[in-house]
N, C-alpha and C. Protein backbone atom coordinates (compact mmCIF):
# COMPACT_ATOMS: atom_id res chain seq x y z
N UNK A 1 80.44 293.89 -30.53
CA UNK A 1 79.68 295.07 -30.87
C UNK A 1 79.61 296.03 -29.69
N UNK A 2 79.35 295.52 -28.48
CA UNK A 2 79.25 296.40 -27.32
C UNK A 2 80.58 297.04 -26.98
N UNK A 3 81.67 296.33 -27.27
CA UNK A 3 82.98 296.88 -26.96
C UNK A 3 83.33 298.08 -27.84
N UNK A 4 82.70 298.20 -29.00
CA UNK A 4 82.98 299.29 -29.92
C UNK A 4 82.36 300.60 -29.42
N UNK A 5 81.21 300.51 -28.80
CA UNK A 5 80.51 301.70 -28.32
C UNK A 5 81.15 302.16 -27.03
N UNK A 6 81.74 303.32 -27.05
CA UNK A 6 82.43 303.85 -25.88
C UNK A 6 81.42 304.51 -24.95
N UNK A 7 81.54 304.23 -23.66
CA UNK A 7 80.66 304.85 -22.68
C UNK A 7 79.30 304.20 -22.56
N UNK A 8 79.09 303.07 -23.20
CA UNK A 8 77.80 302.39 -23.13
C UNK A 8 77.76 301.48 -21.91
N UNK A 9 76.73 301.60 -21.11
CA UNK A 9 76.55 300.73 -19.94
C UNK A 9 75.18 300.08 -20.05
N UNK A 10 75.11 298.74 -20.20
CA UNK A 10 73.81 298.09 -20.32
C UNK A 10 72.97 298.29 -19.06
N UNK A 11 71.68 298.47 -19.25
CA UNK A 11 70.77 298.70 -18.14
C UNK A 11 69.57 297.76 -18.27
N UNK A 12 69.03 297.37 -17.14
CA UNK A 12 67.82 296.55 -17.13
C UNK A 12 66.64 297.49 -17.31
N UNK A 13 65.88 297.29 -18.37
CA UNK A 13 64.74 298.17 -18.63
C UNK A 13 63.42 297.51 -18.24
N UNK A 14 63.44 296.19 -18.02
CA UNK A 14 62.23 295.48 -17.63
C UNK A 14 62.64 294.28 -16.79
N UNK A 15 62.00 294.09 -15.68
CA UNK A 15 62.26 292.93 -14.83
C UNK A 15 61.11 291.95 -14.94
N UNK A 16 61.44 290.69 -14.90
CA UNK A 16 60.42 289.64 -14.97
C UNK A 16 59.59 289.68 -13.69
N UNK A 17 58.27 289.88 -13.78
CA UNK A 17 57.45 289.91 -12.57
C UNK A 17 57.31 288.54 -11.92
N UNK A 18 57.60 287.48 -12.67
CA UNK A 18 57.53 286.12 -12.15
C UNK A 18 58.91 285.47 -12.27
N UNK A 19 59.83 285.81 -11.37
CA UNK A 19 61.18 285.27 -11.50
C UNK A 19 61.20 283.75 -11.33
N UNK A 20 62.20 283.14 -11.94
CA UNK A 20 62.37 281.69 -11.85
C UNK A 20 62.71 281.34 -10.41
N UNK A 21 61.99 280.40 -9.87
CA UNK A 21 62.25 279.95 -8.50
C UNK A 21 63.02 278.64 -8.56
N UNK A 22 64.17 278.65 -7.97
CA UNK A 22 65.00 277.45 -7.98
C UNK A 22 64.78 276.67 -6.69
N UNK A 23 64.72 275.38 -6.83
CA UNK A 23 64.56 274.50 -5.69
C UNK A 23 65.94 274.18 -5.12
N UNK A 24 66.00 273.92 -3.82
CA UNK A 24 67.29 273.54 -3.23
C UNK A 24 67.84 272.27 -3.90
N UNK A 25 69.13 272.24 -4.10
CA UNK A 25 69.77 271.08 -4.72
C UNK A 25 70.86 270.55 -3.80
N UNK A 26 71.13 269.28 -3.94
CA UNK A 26 72.25 268.69 -3.21
C UNK A 26 73.01 267.76 -4.15
N UNK A 27 74.30 267.70 -3.93
CA UNK A 27 75.18 266.87 -4.75
C UNK A 27 75.87 265.86 -3.85
N UNK A 28 75.92 264.63 -4.30
CA UNK A 28 76.64 263.61 -3.56
C UNK A 28 77.64 262.94 -4.49
N UNK A 29 78.75 262.53 -3.92
CA UNK A 29 79.79 261.86 -4.67
C UNK A 29 80.15 260.60 -3.89
N UNK A 30 79.89 259.45 -4.46
CA UNK A 30 80.09 258.18 -3.75
C UNK A 30 81.17 257.37 -4.46
N UNK A 31 82.21 256.99 -3.71
CA UNK A 31 83.31 256.21 -4.25
C UNK A 31 83.04 254.73 -4.01
N UNK A 32 83.07 253.93 -5.06
CA UNK A 32 82.88 252.48 -4.94
C UNK A 32 83.98 251.79 -5.75
N UNK A 33 85.05 251.46 -5.10
CA UNK A 33 86.17 250.81 -5.79
C UNK A 33 86.80 251.72 -6.82
N UNK A 34 86.73 251.32 -8.11
CA UNK A 34 87.32 252.13 -9.18
C UNK A 34 86.29 253.04 -9.84
N UNK A 35 85.11 253.12 -9.29
CA UNK A 35 84.05 253.96 -9.86
C UNK A 35 83.66 255.07 -8.90
N UNK A 36 83.18 256.16 -9.48
CA UNK A 36 82.66 257.27 -8.70
C UNK A 36 81.27 257.57 -9.23
N UNK A 37 80.31 257.65 -8.34
CA UNK A 37 78.94 257.98 -8.74
C UNK A 37 78.62 259.38 -8.23
N UNK A 38 78.35 260.28 -9.16
CA UNK A 38 78.03 261.67 -8.84
C UNK A 38 76.53 261.85 -9.08
N UNK A 39 75.79 262.24 -8.04
CA UNK A 39 74.33 262.36 -8.12
C UNK A 39 73.92 263.79 -7.79
N UNK A 40 73.05 264.35 -8.62
CA UNK A 40 72.50 265.68 -8.39
C UNK A 40 71.00 265.52 -8.13
N UNK A 41 70.55 265.99 -6.96
CA UNK A 41 69.15 265.86 -6.57
C UNK A 41 68.55 267.24 -6.32
N UNK A 42 67.25 267.34 -6.54
CA UNK A 42 66.54 268.60 -6.32
C UNK A 42 65.35 268.33 -5.41
N UNK A 43 65.11 269.26 -4.47
CA UNK A 43 64.01 269.10 -3.54
C UNK A 43 62.72 269.55 -4.22
N UNK A 44 61.74 268.65 -4.28
CA UNK A 44 60.46 268.91 -4.93
C UNK A 44 59.38 268.95 -3.86
N UNK A 45 58.55 269.99 -3.92
CA UNK A 45 57.46 270.14 -2.96
C UNK A 45 56.15 269.75 -3.63
N UNK A 46 55.48 268.71 -3.12
CA UNK A 46 54.17 268.28 -3.60
C UNK A 46 53.16 268.57 -2.51
N UNK A 47 52.42 269.64 -2.69
CA UNK A 47 51.45 270.10 -1.70
C UNK A 47 52.11 270.23 -0.33
N UNK A 48 51.81 269.34 0.62
CA UNK A 48 52.38 269.44 1.97
C UNK A 48 53.60 268.55 2.17
N UNK A 49 53.90 267.70 1.19
CA UNK A 49 54.99 266.74 1.33
C UNK A 49 56.10 267.08 0.35
N UNK A 50 57.33 267.04 0.83
CA UNK A 50 58.48 267.29 -0.04
C UNK A 50 59.37 266.06 -0.09
N UNK A 51 60.08 265.91 -1.20
CA UNK A 51 61.01 264.79 -1.33
C UNK A 51 62.14 265.18 -2.27
N UNK A 52 63.25 264.43 -2.18
CA UNK A 52 64.39 264.65 -3.05
C UNK A 52 64.24 263.80 -4.29
N UNK A 53 64.41 264.39 -5.46
CA UNK A 53 64.30 263.68 -6.72
C UNK A 53 65.63 263.77 -7.47
N UNK A 54 66.13 262.65 -7.96
CA UNK A 54 67.36 262.64 -8.73
C UNK A 54 67.09 263.25 -10.09
N UNK A 55 67.83 264.30 -10.43
CA UNK A 55 67.65 264.93 -11.73
C UNK A 55 68.81 264.61 -12.67
N UNK A 56 69.91 264.11 -12.11
CA UNK A 56 71.06 263.76 -12.93
C UNK A 56 71.98 262.86 -12.12
N UNK A 57 72.54 261.86 -12.79
CA UNK A 57 73.58 261.06 -12.14
C UNK A 57 74.61 260.67 -13.20
N UNK A 58 75.85 260.62 -12.76
CA UNK A 58 76.96 260.36 -13.64
C UNK A 58 77.89 259.35 -12.99
N UNK A 59 78.23 258.32 -13.72
CA UNK A 59 79.16 257.31 -13.21
C UNK A 59 80.49 257.47 -13.93
N UNK A 60 81.55 257.66 -13.17
CA UNK A 60 82.89 257.84 -13.73
C UNK A 60 83.68 256.57 -13.46
N UNK A 61 84.23 256.00 -14.55
CA UNK A 61 84.97 254.75 -14.45
C UNK A 61 86.42 255.00 -14.82
N UNK A 62 87.34 254.40 -14.06
CA UNK A 62 88.76 254.55 -14.35
C UNK A 62 89.08 253.94 -15.72
N UNK A 63 89.93 254.60 -16.48
CA UNK A 63 90.31 254.08 -17.79
C UNK A 63 89.72 254.86 -18.94
N UNK A 64 88.82 255.77 -18.66
CA UNK A 64 88.25 256.60 -19.72
C UNK A 64 87.45 255.82 -20.74
N UNK A 65 87.62 256.16 -22.01
CA UNK A 65 86.84 255.52 -23.09
C UNK A 65 87.17 254.06 -23.28
N UNK A 66 88.35 253.66 -22.94
CA UNK A 66 88.76 252.28 -23.16
C UNK A 66 88.08 251.31 -22.21
N UNK A 67 87.53 251.81 -21.10
CA UNK A 67 86.95 250.94 -20.08
C UNK A 67 85.66 250.33 -20.49
């Protein structure tokens, strides 16, 4: 639809006054024999103490679905 309108340029008419704040993330990839463990962690701040929390982990095994 936008491609049909010639000369149209989308503009931001309202900005969110409370933008989403993203926490720092880190990714690790650990090789263990024929497996790979991919872990995604996010830094969580609890009052004065912060810690890394695992939000996702994926284990990849050689052989695909047959394994």
